[in-house]
Amino acid sequence: MKVAVLKETFPGERRVALVPAAIAMLKKAGLEVAVETGAGLAAGFLDDDYRAAGATIISRDEAFAADCLLTVRTAGACGDGWCHDRDRLRSGVIVVGLCDPLSTPAACREAAERGATLFALELVPRITRAQSMDVLSSQANIAGYRAVLLAANTLPRILPMMTTAAGTITPAKVLVLGAGVAGLQAIATAKRLGAQVSAYDVRPAVKEQVQSLGAKFVELPLETGASEAAGGYAKAMGEEFYAKQRDLLGKVVAESDVVVCTALIPGQKAPVLVTAEMVRRMKPGSVIVDMAAERGGNCEGSKPDETVMVEGVTILGPTNLPADVAGHTSQLYAKNLATFLAHLVKSGLPKAAVDDEIVRDTLVAADGQVVHPKIREKLGLPPLPPAAAAS
């Protein structure tokens, strides 16, 4: 079975699906590995590095003739580039990558209509045996780190306390909204840089994790019993809840020098946690990094990949922080992907067994139709009969 690594076409995407060090794992699984020429260049990996690791270098046309295509972004996650890739797909080809299936399910249906078998890595279940395949966590971890560095470079003051002959500088106050993987790394990074860190999350269960990193957990008098969904993700709450939450958070935000927003609900618009009025109450020079800007934003007024100034407050809306450090994020992604692919092969790829939870949860399209229940629901399609869903 031949797998091919595609060069990314999404604007600003510098990552590559496989790094040379990951090729040995796939060859051990019995796969022949090919890499599109120049695929790893933006991440710091030369074609000769892949050749030395045992891969062959091929053109894009040759790559689309492979049995399995490996990519960072495909389907809805690929933007306008999907139109060109979609028309190249052969019936029976297997595609593995980030697909954005819950927000752009129509692209998944297009892949199915062309007879492709599509696996969405966003849907890897958060279970113990799948941790080494969890690309969302590995990439969010680096994104949280980069978000704090971005804030530190923008803030017109330093983060740590310093006692000097010229006087004492008090530490900057950093507030992290959302204590998932990205949020926890943002907390740890801000703490390492010497800031005074606090964090808020709608899920009270993460309080201990926040405190273990040396940060203060902001507790609000809200009913949060139903705030956590399956897999540990935050659950969408009603607008009445968010309105009260914003009112209570206002004072904490106003006292912060930096606010890092990381709150996301899979497949839904990001909840607004910081209103325009809350921004206006912040001190001039304060910085907000809205990591949810691509999904509508946790901060009112933030714009994807733009810098917005509001009465002296800088609002940043980065949408692809992992691509800023593509060498390391590609390394992590490649390890996740190689482990996932080796698991598919062990499960019987190209006809992987859907009685396996990892295969079942990530398989979006097969045999000419969308097979994932959640994606079918998003598309308004009826549930598949049990026999068809398990085929």
Protein backbone atom coordinates (compact mmCIF):
# COMPACT_ATOMS: atom_id res chain seq x y z
CA MET A 1 0.00 0.00 0.00
CA LYS A 2 1.42 3.37 -1.04
CA VAL A 3 0.88 6.48 1.06
CA ALA A 4 1.71 9.97 -0.19
CA VAL A 5 2.34 13.14 1.80
CA LEU A 6 0.82 16.20 0.15
CA LYS A 7 2.29 19.70 0.18
CA GLU A 8 -0.09 22.04 2.01
CA THR A 9 -1.89 24.68 -0.08
CA PHE A 10 -3.83 26.56 2.60
CA PRO A 11 -2.48 30.15 2.89
CA GLY A 12 0.06 30.45 5.70
CA GLU A 13 0.09 26.72 6.47
CA ARG A 14 3.75 25.76 6.95
CA ARG A 15 3.30 22.38 8.63
CA VAL A 16 3.78 19.06 6.90
CA ALA A 17 1.90 15.84 7.66
CA LEU A 18 5.00 13.65 8.04
CA VAL A 19 8.54 14.50 9.06
CA PRO A 20 11.45 12.26 7.99
CA ALA A 21 11.80 10.72 11.47
CA ALA A 22 8.23 9.33 11.29
CA ILE A 23 8.74 7.43 8.05
CA ALA A 24 10.42 4.43 9.67
CA MET A 25 7.26 3.70 11.69
CA LEU A 26 5.13 3.54 8.54
CA LYS A 27 7.63 1.42 6.66
CA LYS A 28 7.68 -0.96 9.61
CA ALA A 29 3.89 -1.21 9.23
CA GLY A 30 4.44 -2.37 5.62
CA LEU A 31 3.64 0.90 3.88
CA GLU A 32 5.49 2.45 0.95
CA VAL A 33 5.97 6.18 1.62
CA ALA A 34 6.19 8.94 -0.97
CA VAL A 35 6.39 12.69 -0.40
CA GLU A 36 5.39 15.48 -2.76
CA THR A 37 8.43 17.52 -3.68
CA GLY A 38 8.87 20.55 -1.41
CA ALA A 39 6.20 19.36 1.05
CA GLY A 40 8.41 19.80 4.10
CA LEU A 41 10.42 22.84 3.05
CA ALA A 42 8.40 25.44 4.98
CA ALA A 43 8.78 23.34 8.14
CA GLY A 44 12.54 22.97 7.65
CA PHE A 45 12.67 19.52 6.04
CA LEU A 46 14.38 19.04 2.67
CA ASP A 47 13.52 16.49 0.01
CA ASP A 48 16.93 14.91 0.64
CA ASP A 49 15.98 14.43 4.30
CA TYR A 50 12.97 12.37 3.21
CA ARG A 51 15.04 10.39 0.71
CA ALA A 52 17.57 9.56 3.43
CA ALA A 53 14.69 8.30 5.61
CA GLY A 54 13.53 5.92 2.86
CA ALA A 55 10.78 7.89 1.10
CA THR A 56 10.54 8.63 -2.60
CA ILE A 57 9.98 12.18 -3.87
CA ILE A 58 7.16 12.58 -6.38
CA SER A 59 5.09 15.26 -8.12
CA ARG A 60 1.61 16.31 -6.98
CA ASP A 61 -0.01 14.41 -9.85
CA GLU A 62 1.85 11.26 -8.81
CA ALA A 63 0.86 11.82 -5.18
CA PHE A 64 -2.85 11.77 -6.04
CA ALA A 65 -2.34 8.37 -7.67
CA ALA A 66 -1.36 6.84 -4.30
CA ASP A 67 -3.63 4.57 -2.26
CA CYS A 68 -3.66 6.91 0.74
CA LEU A 69 -3.14 10.67 1.00
CA LEU A 70 -1.70 12.18 4.18
CA THR A 71 -2.18 15.88 4.85
CA VAL A 72 -2.46 18.46 7.60
CA ARG A 73 -5.51 20.14 6.04
CA THR A 74 -8.07 18.58 3.74
CA ALA A 75 -11.79 18.96 2.95
CA GLY A 76 -13.28 21.96 4.80
CA ALA A 77 -10.04 22.70 6.67
CA CYS A 78 -8.26 23.31 3.35
CA GLY A 79 -10.24 26.38 2.33
CA ASP A 80 -10.29 27.22 -1.37
CA GLY A 81 -7.58 24.63 -2.02
CA TRP A 82 -10.14 21.89 -1.41
CA CYS A 83 -11.83 22.60 -4.76
CA HIS A 84 -8.67 21.64 -6.65
CA ASP A 85 -7.92 18.62 -4.46
CA ARG A 86 -11.52 17.39 -4.51
CA ASP A 87 -11.55 17.13 -8.30
CA ARG A 88 -8.37 15.02 -8.22
CA LEU A 89 -9.74 12.37 -5.85
CA ARG A 90 -10.08 8.84 -7.21
CA SER A 91 -12.73 6.41 -6.08
CA GLY A 92 -11.29 4.23 -3.34
CA VAL A 93 -8.53 6.61 -2.28
CA ILE A 94 -8.05 7.04 1.48
CA VAL A 95 -7.57 10.57 2.82
CA VAL A 96 -6.35 11.29 6.36
CA GLY A 97 -6.04 14.77 7.88
CA LEU A 98 -7.79 17.64 9.62
CA CYS A 99 -11.16 18.11 7.87
CA ASP A 100 -13.17 20.56 10.01
CA PRO A 101 -16.12 18.17 9.61
CA LEU A 102 -18.44 19.64 12.24
CA SER A 103 -18.28 23.17 10.79
CA THR A 104 -17.96 22.36 7.06
CA PRO A 105 -19.76 19.03 6.60
CA ALA A 106 -20.56 19.77 2.93
CA ALA A 107 -16.92 19.19 1.98
CA CYS A 108 -17.07 15.75 3.63
CA ARG A 109 -20.10 14.93 1.51
CA GLU A 110 -18.17 15.99 -1.61
CA ALA A 111 -15.36 13.59 -0.67
CA ALA A 112 -17.92 10.82 -0.22
CA GLU A 113 -19.52 11.55 -3.60
CA ARG A 114 -16.14 10.98 -5.24
CA GLY A 115 -15.81 7.60 -3.57
CA ALA A 116 -13.05 8.62 -1.17
CA THR A 117 -12.63 7.13 2.30
CA LEU A 118 -12.13 10.09 4.64
CA PHE A 119 -10.73 10.06 8.17
CA ALA A 120 -11.00 13.27 10.25
CA LEU A 121 -8.26 13.54 12.87
CA GLU A 122 -10.25 16.12 14.87
CA LEU A 123 -12.58 13.28 15.84
CA VAL A 124 -9.99 11.03 17.50
CA PRO A 125 -11.74 10.01 20.74
CA ARG A 126 -10.25 11.24 24.00
CA ILE A 127 -9.59 7.80 25.44
CA THR A 128 -6.37 6.48 26.96
CA ARG A 129 -5.26 4.32 24.04
CA ALA A 130 -5.80 7.16 21.56
CA GLN A 131 -3.78 9.82 23.41
CA SER A 132 -0.78 9.30 21.14
CA MET A 133 -3.03 10.04 18.12
CA ASP A 134 -4.67 13.21 19.49
CA VAL A 135 -3.59 15.93 17.04
CA LEU A 136 -5.90 18.55 18.53
CA SER A 137 -4.14 18.29 21.88
CA SER A 138 -0.61 18.25 20.47
CA GLN A 139 -1.26 21.32 18.33
CA ALA A 140 -3.29 23.22 20.95
CA ASN A 141 -0.48 22.72 23.44
CA ILE A 142 1.93 24.65 21.21
CA ALA A 143 -0.73 27.23 20.32
CA GLY A 144 -1.22 28.09 24.00
CA TYR A 145 2.51 28.61 24.38
CA ARG A 146 2.72 30.82 21.30
CA ALA A 147 -0.29 32.90 22.37
CA VAL A 148 1.47 34.01 25.54
CA LEU A 149 4.67 34.85 23.66
CA LEU A 150 2.62 36.90 21.21
CA ALA A 151 1.01 38.78 24.09
CA ALA A 152 4.36 39.34 25.80
CA ASN A 153 5.85 40.79 22.61
CA THR A 154 2.88 43.15 22.19
CA LEU A 155 2.46 44.29 25.79
CA PRO A 156 4.34 47.58 26.45
CA ARG A 157 5.72 46.24 29.73
CA ILE A 158 7.48 43.10 30.95
CA LEU A 159 5.75 40.12 32.52
CA PRO A 160 7.94 39.28 35.54
CA MET A 161 8.53 41.22 38.74
CA MET A 162 11.99 42.77 38.91
CA THR A 163 13.69 44.44 41.86
CA THR A 164 16.43 46.79 40.69
CA ALA A 165 18.42 49.75 41.94
CA ALA A 166 16.00 51.91 39.97
CA GLY A 167 12.99 50.47 41.75
CA THR A 168 10.70 47.47 41.71
CA ILE A 169 8.62 46.47 38.69
CA THR A 170 5.41 44.66 39.61
CA PRO A 171 4.46 41.55 37.61
CA ALA A 172 1.93 41.76 34.82
CA LYS A 173 -1.49 40.24 35.44
CA VAL A 174 -2.44 37.55 32.93
CA LEU A 175 -5.95 36.08 32.73
CA VAL A 176 -6.54 32.89 30.73
CA LEU A 177 -10.13 32.16 29.72
CA GLY A 178 -10.61 28.45 29.11
CA ALA A 179 -8.48 25.78 30.77
CA GLY A 180 -8.35 23.14 28.09
CA VAL A 181 -5.06 21.98 26.57
CA ALA A 182 -4.25 25.40 25.04
CA GLY A 183 -5.33 27.26 28.15
CA LEU A 184 -3.29 25.12 30.53
CA GLN A 185 -0.16 25.60 28.43
CA ALA A 186 -0.85 29.35 28.28
CA ILE A 187 -1.07 29.36 32.08
CA ALA A 188 2.18 27.42 32.43
CA THR A 189 4.00 29.66 29.94
CA ALA A 190 2.82 32.92 31.53
CA LYS A 191 3.80 31.57 34.94
CA ARG A 192 7.27 30.60 33.71
CA LEU A 193 7.70 34.12 32.35
CA GLY A 194 6.96 35.51 35.80
CA ALA A 195 3.44 36.87 35.38
CA GLN A 196 0.74 36.84 38.03
CA VAL A 197 -1.67 34.36 36.46
CA SER A 198 -5.35 33.62 36.99
CA ALA A 199 -7.68 31.48 34.92
CA TYR A 200 -11.37 30.86 34.44
CA ASP A 201 -13.21 27.90 32.99
CA VAL A 202 -16.89 27.03 33.01
CA ARG A 203 -15.96 23.49 34.11
CA PRO A 204 -15.25 23.46 37.86
CA ALA A 205 -13.43 20.13 37.45
CA VAL A 206 -10.36 21.90 36.01
CA LYS A 207 -9.78 24.01 39.16
CA GLU A 208 -7.21 21.56 40.50
CA GLN A 209 -5.29 21.54 37.20
CA VAL A 210 -5.16 25.34 37.14
CA GLN A 211 -3.94 25.53 40.72
CA SER A 212 -1.33 22.82 40.13
CA LEU A 213 0.32 25.20 37.65
CA GLY A 214 0.53 27.95 40.24
CA ALA A 215 -2.35 30.05 38.95
CA LYS A 216 -5.41 31.35 40.78
CA PHE A 217 -8.72 29.83 39.69
CA VAL A 218 -11.42 32.45 39.23
CA GLU A 219 -14.65 31.18 40.75
CA LEU A 220 -17.94 32.75 39.78
CA PRO A 221 -21.30 32.11 41.52
CA LEU A 222 -22.82 30.28 38.53
CA GLU A 223 -24.58 26.95 38.17
CA THR A 224 -22.14 24.87 36.09
CA GLY A 225 -23.30 21.31 36.73
CA ALA A 226 -24.01 20.63 33.03
CA SER A 227 -20.97 22.43 31.64
CA GLU A 228 -18.90 19.43 30.55
CA ALA A 229 -19.71 17.25 27.55
CA ALA A 230 -18.41 13.80 26.65
CA GLY A 231 -14.64 13.62 26.19
CA GLY A 232 -13.92 16.45 28.62
CA TYR A 233 -14.88 19.26 26.23
CA ALA A 234 -16.79 22.29 27.43
CA LYS A 235 -20.49 22.20 26.61
CA ALA A 236 -22.44 25.08 25.09
CA MET A 237 -24.60 26.88 27.66
CA GLY A 238 -27.62 29.14 27.26
CA GLU A 239 -27.37 32.87 26.52
CA GLU A 240 -28.71 33.72 29.99
CA PHE A 241 -25.77 31.86 31.50
CA TYR A 242 -23.23 33.64 29.25
CA ALA A 243 -24.77 37.05 30.00
CA LYS A 244 -24.39 36.51 33.76
CA GLN A 245 -20.90 35.10 33.22
CA ARG A 246 -19.81 38.21 31.29
CA ASP A 247 -21.19 40.47 33.99
CA LEU A 248 -19.22 38.67 36.72
CA LEU A 249 -16.03 38.43 34.64
CA GLY A 250 -15.97 42.15 33.87
CA LYS A 251 -14.06 43.17 37.01
CA VAL A 252 -11.40 40.46 36.55
CA VAL A 253 -10.86 41.39 32.90
CA ALA A 254 -10.58 45.11 33.74
CA GLU A 255 -7.77 44.40 36.20
CA SER A 256 -5.75 42.27 33.73
CA ASP A 257 -2.85 43.39 31.57
CA VAL A 258 -3.19 40.38 29.28
CA VAL A 259 -6.22 38.23 28.50
CA VAL A 260 -5.74 35.01 26.54
CA CYS A 261 -9.03 33.60 25.20
CA THR A 262 -9.10 29.88 24.39
CA ALA A 263 -12.75 28.87 24.89
CA LEU A 264 -14.12 26.77 22.03
CA ILE A 265 -17.10 24.44 21.64
CA PRO A 266 -16.48 21.77 18.94
CA GLY A 267 -18.51 22.52 15.82
CA GLN A 268 -20.13 25.67 17.22
CA LYS A 269 -19.59 29.42 17.27
CA ALA A 270 -17.25 30.46 20.07
CA PRO A 271 -19.01 31.94 23.13
CA VAL A 272 -18.49 35.67 23.66
CA LEU A 273 -16.79 36.05 27.04
CA VAL A 274 -15.29 39.55 26.69
CA THR A 275 -17.68 42.25 25.51
CA ALA A 276 -16.78 45.58 23.90
CA GLU A 277 -17.70 47.31 27.19
CA MET A 278 -15.30 45.03 29.10
CA VAL A 279 -12.53 45.90 26.63
CA ARG A 280 -13.12 49.62 27.13
CA ARG A 281 -12.72 49.17 30.89
CA MET A 282 -9.22 47.71 30.47
CA LYS A 283 -6.12 49.85 30.94
CA PRO A 284 -4.57 51.37 27.78
CA GLY A 285 -1.72 49.17 26.61
CA SER A 286 -3.48 45.95 27.66
CA VAL A 287 -3.48 43.04 25.23
CA ILE A 288 -6.10 40.43 24.35
CA VAL A 289 -5.12 37.34 22.34
CA ASP A 290 -8.31 35.75 21.02
CA MET A 291 -7.46 32.20 19.94
CA ALA A 292 -11.13 31.67 19.07
CA ALA A 293 -11.23 34.50 16.49
CA GLU A 294 -11.65 32.05 13.60
CA ARG A 295 -14.87 30.73 15.21
CA GLY A 296 -16.42 34.13 15.84
CA GLY A 297 -14.23 35.04 18.80
CA ASN A 298 -14.43 35.00 22.59
CA CYS A 299 -13.77 38.75 22.47
CA GLU A 300 -16.31 41.02 20.85
CA GLY A 301 -14.65 42.91 18.01
CA SER A 302 -11.76 40.53 17.38
CA LYS A 303 -11.06 39.70 13.74
CA PRO A 304 -9.32 36.61 12.32
CA ASP A 305 -5.62 37.28 11.65
CA GLU A 306 -6.00 41.00 12.30
CA THR A 307 -4.89 43.44 14.98
CA VAL A 308 -7.70 45.63 16.30
CA MET A 309 -7.14 48.68 18.54
CA VAL A 310 -9.91 49.74 20.92
CA GLU A 311 -9.14 52.81 23.06
CA GLY A 312 -5.53 51.74 23.58
CA VAL A 313 -6.26 48.02 24.01
CA THR A 314 -4.75 45.70 21.40
CA ILE A 315 -6.87 42.72 20.30
CA LEU A 316 -5.05 40.01 18.34
CA GLY A 317 -6.91 37.27 16.46
CA PRO A 318 -4.37 34.62 15.36
CA THR A 319 -5.92 31.62 13.61
CA ASN A 320 -2.98 29.27 13.06
CA LEU A 321 -0.40 29.66 15.82
CA PRO A 322 0.95 26.10 15.35
CA ALA A 323 2.16 27.07 11.85
CA ASP A 324 4.43 29.72 13.41
CA VAL A 325 6.66 26.94 14.78
CA ALA A 326 6.09 24.44 12.00
CA GLY A 327 9.20 22.38 12.69
CA HIS A 328 8.07 21.21 16.11
CA THR A 329 4.33 21.13 15.44
CA SER A 330 4.97 19.02 12.33
CA GLN A 331 7.05 16.66 14.44
CA LEU A 332 4.20 16.23 16.91
CA TYR A 333 1.53 15.98 14.21
CA ALA A 334 3.59 13.39 12.32
CA LYS A 335 3.90 11.21 15.42
CA ASN A 336 0.13 11.42 15.99
CA LEU A 337 -0.59 10.65 12.33
CA ALA A 338 1.90 7.78 12.01
CA THR A 339 0.49 6.15 15.16
CA PHE A 340 -3.05 6.59 13.87
CA LEU A 341 -2.20 5.17 10.44
CA ALA A 342 -0.37 2.20 11.93
CA HIS A 343 -3.50 1.54 13.99
CA LEU A 344 -5.66 1.65 10.85
CA VAL A 345 -3.36 -0.86 9.13
CA LYS A 346 -3.55 -3.13 12.15
CA SER A 347 -7.36 -2.81 12.00
CA GLY A 348 -7.39 -4.03 8.39
CA LEU A 349 -6.94 -0.93 6.22
CA PRO A 350 -8.07 -0.32 3.48
CA LYS A 351 -11.21 -1.90 4.98
CA ALA A 352 -10.63 -0.92 8.61
CA ALA A 353 -12.92 -2.55 11.15
CA VAL A 354 -15.51 -0.08 12.44
CA ASP A 355 -16.09 -2.11 15.58
CA ASP A 356 -12.92 -0.38 16.81
CA GLU A 357 -13.82 2.87 18.61
CA ILE A 358 -10.94 4.88 17.15
CA VAL A 359 -11.76 3.84 13.58
CA ARG A 360 -15.51 4.30 14.04
CA ASP A 361 -15.23 7.78 15.57
CA THR A 362 -12.85 9.18 12.93
CA LEU A 363 -14.34 7.60 9.79
CA VAL A 364 -16.40 10.31 8.08
CA ALA A 365 -16.94 8.99 4.55
CA ALA A 366 -16.80 5.53 3.00
CA ASP A 367 -18.44 3.55 0.19
CA GLY A 368 -19.81 6.65 -1.47
CA GLN A 369 -21.61 8.16 1.50
CA VAL A 370 -21.11 10.08 4.72
CA VAL A 371 -21.12 7.48 7.50
CA HIS A 372 -20.42 9.47 10.65
CA PRO A 373 -23.67 10.02 12.61
CA LYS A 374 -22.85 13.57 13.76
CA ILE A 375 -21.85 14.69 10.27
CA ARG A 376 -24.96 13.13 8.75
CA GLU A 377 -27.04 15.03 11.31
CA LYS A 378 -25.26 18.28 10.38
CA LEU A 379 -26.10 17.62 6.73
CA GLY A 380 -29.73 16.85 7.50
CA LEU A 381 -29.33 13.21 6.43
CA PRO A 382 -31.23 10.38 8.14
CA PRO A 383 -29.30 7.86 10.27
CA LEU A 384 -27.84 4.93 8.38
CA PRO A 385 -29.30 1.47 8.96
CA PRO A 386 -27.09 -0.51 11.38
CA ALA A 387 -25.85 -2.80 8.61
CA ALA A 388 -24.78 0.10 6.38
CA ALA A 389 -23.10 1.97 9.22
CA ALA A 390 -21.05 -1.08 10.15
CA SER A 391 -20.06 -2.07 6.60
